[in-house]
Amino acid sequence: MRALALLSVLVVAALHAGFLALEMFLWETPTGLRIFDMTADQAAETAVLAANQGLYNGFLAAGLLWGALAGKRDVTIFFLLCVIAAGVYGALTASTTILFVQAAPALVALALTLIAPRRA
């Protein structure tokens, strides 16, 4: 069960590393335009904001990796809760898709982390 919890946390961290790449580096590319359903003008106008958002997603990924790889359950739980809060807020204010892409995987990882036995 601990291995499954660890794997799920690593998946959430990878998702957030991917969000970082999309928002910081791919925002104005055809990939970014397609994923976020924007025009080139919209992307250009919001690129700085997106890069800032991407940086925050990178911090979430780093925190999840730190907690998971260092075996710090409390750190992992904290960062999963941060991801869930950000996902719920994003779903309420931007797009309901965020609830499923961001918050739901983190909720699954949190549940698995909480039910996994602690290290001896």
C-alpha atoms as a PDB file:
ATOM      1  CA  MET A   1       0.000   0.000   0.000  1.00  0.00           C
ATOM      2  CA  ARG A   2       2.884   2.396   0.755  1.00  0.00           C
ATOM      3  CA  ALA A   3       4.274   1.800  -2.728  1.00  0.00           C
ATOM      4  CA  LEU A   4       0.922   2.660  -4.305  1.00  0.00           C
ATOM      5  CA  ALA A   5       0.661   5.812  -2.176  1.00  0.00           C
ATOM      6  CA  LEU A   6       4.194   6.827  -3.185  1.00  0.00           C
ATOM      7  CA  LEU A   7       3.455   6.174  -6.846  1.00  0.00           C
ATOM      8  CA  SER A   8       0.281   8.263  -6.708  1.00  0.00           C
ATOM      9  CA  VAL A   9       2.146  11.182  -5.101  1.00  0.00           C
ATOM     10  CA  LEU A  10       4.846  10.936  -7.775  1.00  0.00           C
ATOM     11  CA  VAL A  11       2.133  11.034 -10.469  1.00  0.00           C
ATOM     12  CA  VAL A  12       0.696  14.227  -8.951  1.00  0.00           C
ATOM     13  CA  ALA A  13       4.208  15.717  -8.803  1.00  0.00           C
ATOM     14  CA  ALA A  14       4.755  14.797 -12.463  1.00  0.00           C
ATOM     15  CA  LEU A  15       1.447  16.420 -13.405  1.00  0.00           C
ATOM     16  CA  HIS A  16       2.550  19.635 -11.737  1.00  0.00           C
ATOM     17  CA  ALA A  17       5.940  19.521 -13.413  1.00  0.00           C
ATOM     18  CA  GLY A  18       4.013  19.202 -16.667  1.00  0.00           C
ATOM     19  CA  PHE A  19       1.829  22.183 -15.749  1.00  0.00           C
ATOM     20  CA  LEU A  20       5.027  24.143 -15.088  1.00  0.00           C
ATOM     21  CA  ALA A  21       6.316  23.302 -18.568  1.00  0.00           C
ATOM     22  CA  LEU A  22       3.010  24.184 -20.227  1.00  0.00           C
ATOM     23  CA  GLU A  23       2.605  27.473 -18.404  1.00  0.00           C
ATOM     24  CA  MET A  24       6.217  28.654 -18.411  1.00  0.00           C
ATOM     25  CA  PHE A  25       7.580  27.362 -21.698  1.00  0.00           C
ATOM     26  CA  LEU A  26       4.751  26.209 -23.978  1.00  0.00           C
ATOM     27  CA  TRP A  27       2.101  28.856 -23.292  1.00  0.00           C
ATOM     28  CA  GLU A  28       2.453  30.668 -26.619  1.00  0.00           C
ATOM     29  CA  THR A  29       3.222  27.597 -28.726  1.00  0.00           C
ATOM     30  CA  PRO A  30       0.647  25.680 -30.781  1.00  0.00           C
ATOM     31  CA  THR A  31       0.526  23.093 -27.973  1.00  0.00           C
ATOM     32  CA  GLY A  32      -0.249  25.696 -25.332  1.00  0.00           C
ATOM     33  CA  LEU A  33      -2.786  27.456 -27.529  1.00  0.00           C
ATOM     34  CA  ARG A  34      -4.582  24.158 -28.183  1.00  0.00           C
ATOM     35  CA  ILE A  35      -4.571  22.897 -24.593  1.00  0.00           C
ATOM     36  CA  PHE A  36      -5.759  26.194 -23.135  1.00  0.00           C
ATOM     37  CA  ASP A  37      -8.039  27.034 -26.090  1.00  0.00           C
ATOM     38  CA  MET A  38      -6.538  30.497 -26.656  1.00  0.00           C
ATOM     39  CA  THR A  39      -5.678  32.710 -29.535  1.00  0.00           C
ATOM     40  CA  ALA A  40      -2.101  33.868 -30.032  1.00  0.00           C
ATOM     41  CA  ASP A  41      -3.120  37.347 -28.880  1.00  0.00           C
ATOM     42  CA  GLN A  42      -4.684  35.994 -25.688  1.00  0.00           C
ATOM     43  CA  ALA A  43      -1.582  33.953 -24.967  1.00  0.00           C
ATOM     44  CA  ALA A  44       0.703  36.934 -25.531  1.00  0.00           C
ATOM     45  CA  GLU A  45      -1.384  39.089 -23.180  1.00  0.00           C
ATOM     46  CA  THR A  46      -1.325  36.486 -20.399  1.00  0.00           C
ATOM     47  CA  ALA A  47       2.141  34.946 -20.807  1.00  0.00           C
ATOM     48  CA  VAL A  48       3.656  36.644 -17.745  1.00  0.00           C
ATOM     49  CA  LEU A  49       0.737  35.568 -15.561  1.00  0.00           C
ATOM     50  CA  ALA A  50       0.947  32.024 -16.895  1.00  0.00           C
ATOM     51  CA  ALA A  51       4.682  31.848 -16.183  1.00  0.00           C
ATOM     52  CA  ASN A  52       4.059  32.952 -12.607  1.00  0.00           C
ATOM     53  CA  GLN A  53       1.373  30.280 -12.265  1.00  0.00           C
ATOM     54  CA  GLY A  54       3.764  27.731 -13.730  1.00  0.00           C
ATOM     55  CA  LEU A  55       6.373  28.622 -11.150  1.00  0.00           C
ATOM     56  CA  TYR A  56       3.872  27.955  -8.369  1.00  0.00           C
ATOM     57  CA  ASN A  57       3.069  24.585  -9.923  1.00  0.00           C
ATOM     58  CA  GLY A  58       6.798  23.856  -9.893  1.00  0.00           C
ATOM     59  CA  PHE A  59       6.910  24.601  -6.170  1.00  0.00           C
ATOM     60  CA  LEU A  60       4.029  22.179  -5.624  1.00  0.00           C
ATOM     61  CA  ALA A  61       5.872  19.495  -7.606  1.00  0.00           C
ATOM     62  CA  ALA A  62       9.076  20.131  -5.652  1.00  0.00           C
ATOM     63  CA  GLY A  63       7.259  19.931  -2.322  1.00  0.00           C
ATOM     64  CA  LEU A  64       5.578  16.679  -3.278  1.00  0.00           C
ATOM     65  CA  LEU A  65       8.901  15.196  -4.396  1.00  0.00           C
ATOM     66  CA  TRP A  66      10.582  16.350  -1.200  1.00  0.00           C
ATOM     67  CA  GLY A  67       7.894  14.826   0.989  1.00  0.00           C
ATOM     68  CA  ALA A  68       7.645  11.585  -0.965  1.00  0.00           C
ATOM     69  CA  LEU A  69      11.329  10.890  -1.522  1.00  0.00           C
ATOM     70  CA  ALA A  70      12.439  11.960   1.951  1.00  0.00           C
ATOM     71  CA  GLY A  71       9.674   9.905   3.555  1.00  0.00           C
ATOM     72  CA  LYS A  72       8.161  12.988   5.198  1.00  0.00           C
ATOM     73  CA  ARG A  73       4.503  12.059   5.400  1.00  0.00           C
ATOM     74  CA  ASP A  74       3.447  15.377   6.957  1.00  0.00           C
ATOM     75  CA  VAL A  75       5.131  17.346   4.161  1.00  0.00           C
ATOM     76  CA  THR A  76       3.486  15.136   1.538  1.00  0.00           C
ATOM     77  CA  ILE A  77       0.070  15.627   3.129  1.00  0.00           C
ATOM     78  CA  PHE A  78       0.565  19.391   3.325  1.00  0.00           C
ATOM     79  CA  PHE A  79       1.465  19.698  -0.354  1.00  0.00           C
ATOM     80  CA  LEU A  80      -1.354  17.378  -1.436  1.00  0.00           C
ATOM     81  CA  LEU A  81      -3.777  19.574   0.499  1.00  0.00           C
ATOM     82  CA  CYS A  82      -2.307  22.627  -1.257  1.00  0.00           C
ATOM     83  CA  VAL A  83      -2.869  20.966  -4.629  1.00  0.00           C
ATOM     84  CA  ILE A  84      -6.447  20.063  -3.711  1.00  0.00           C
ATOM     85  CA  ALA A  85      -7.178  23.620  -2.524  1.00  0.00           C
ATOM     86  CA  ALA A  86      -5.687  25.095  -5.712  1.00  0.00           C
ATOM     87  CA  GLY A  87      -7.664  22.627  -7.829  1.00  0.00           C
ATOM     88  CA  VAL A  88     -10.963  23.411  -6.132  1.00  0.00           C
ATOM     89  CA  TYR A  89     -10.323  27.155  -6.412  1.00  0.00           C
ATOM     90  CA  GLY A  90      -9.376  26.789 -10.066  1.00  0.00           C
ATOM     91  CA  ALA A  91     -12.503  24.757 -10.737  1.00  0.00           C
ATOM     92  CA  LEU A  92     -14.669  27.405  -9.122  1.00  0.00           C
ATOM     93  CA  THR A  93     -13.013  30.381 -10.809  1.00  0.00           C
ATOM     94  CA  ALA A  94     -11.573  29.188 -14.123  1.00  0.00           C
ATOM     95  CA  SER A  95     -12.655  25.769 -15.418  1.00  0.00           C
ATOM     96  CA  THR A  96     -14.341  22.740 -13.885  1.00  0.00           C
ATOM     97  CA  THR A  97     -11.837  20.587 -15.785  1.00  0.00           C
ATOM     98  CA  ILE A  98      -9.233  21.617 -13.199  1.00  0.00           C
ATOM     99  CA  LEU A  99     -11.162  19.693 -10.572  1.00  0.00           C
ATOM    100  CA  PHE A 100     -10.582  16.458 -12.464  1.00  0.00           C
ATOM    101  CA  VAL A 101      -7.078  17.131 -13.780  1.00  0.00           C
ATOM    102  CA  GLN A 102      -5.575  18.592 -10.611  1.00  0.00           C
ATOM    103  CA  ALA A 103      -7.698  18.102  -7.497  1.00  0.00           C
ATOM    104  CA  ALA A 104      -8.974  14.558  -8.104  1.00  0.00           C
ATOM    105  CA  PRO A 105      -5.536  12.921  -8.568  1.00  0.00           C
ATOM    106  CA  ALA A 106      -4.299  14.721  -5.458  1.00  0.00           C
ATOM    107  CA  LEU A 107      -7.348  13.573  -3.495  1.00  0.00           C
ATOM    108  CA  VAL A 108      -6.663   9.966  -4.502  1.00  0.00           C
ATOM    109  CA  ALA A 109      -2.993  10.362  -3.539  1.00  0.00           C
ATOM    110  CA  LEU A 110      -3.998  11.904  -0.205  1.00  0.00           C
ATOM    111  CA  ALA A 111      -6.392   9.060   0.570  1.00  0.00           C
ATOM    112  CA  LEU A 112      -3.749   6.459  -0.284  1.00  0.00           C
ATOM    113  CA  THR A 113      -1.152   8.312   1.780  1.00  0.00           C
ATOM    114  CA  LEU A 114      -3.467   8.482   4.783  1.00  0.00           C
ATOM    115  CA  ILE A 115      -4.418   4.794   4.685  1.00  0.00           C
ATOM    116  CA  ALA A 116      -0.920   3.505   3.936  1.00  0.00           C
ATOM    117  CA  PRO A 117       0.859   2.149   7.011  1.00  0.00           C
ATOM    118  CA  ARG A 118       3.542   4.403   8.410  1.00  0.00           C
ATOM    119  CA  ARG A 119       7.156   3.374   8.265  1.00  0.00           C
ATOM    120  CA  ALA A 120       8.265   1.208  11.154  1.00  0.00           C
END
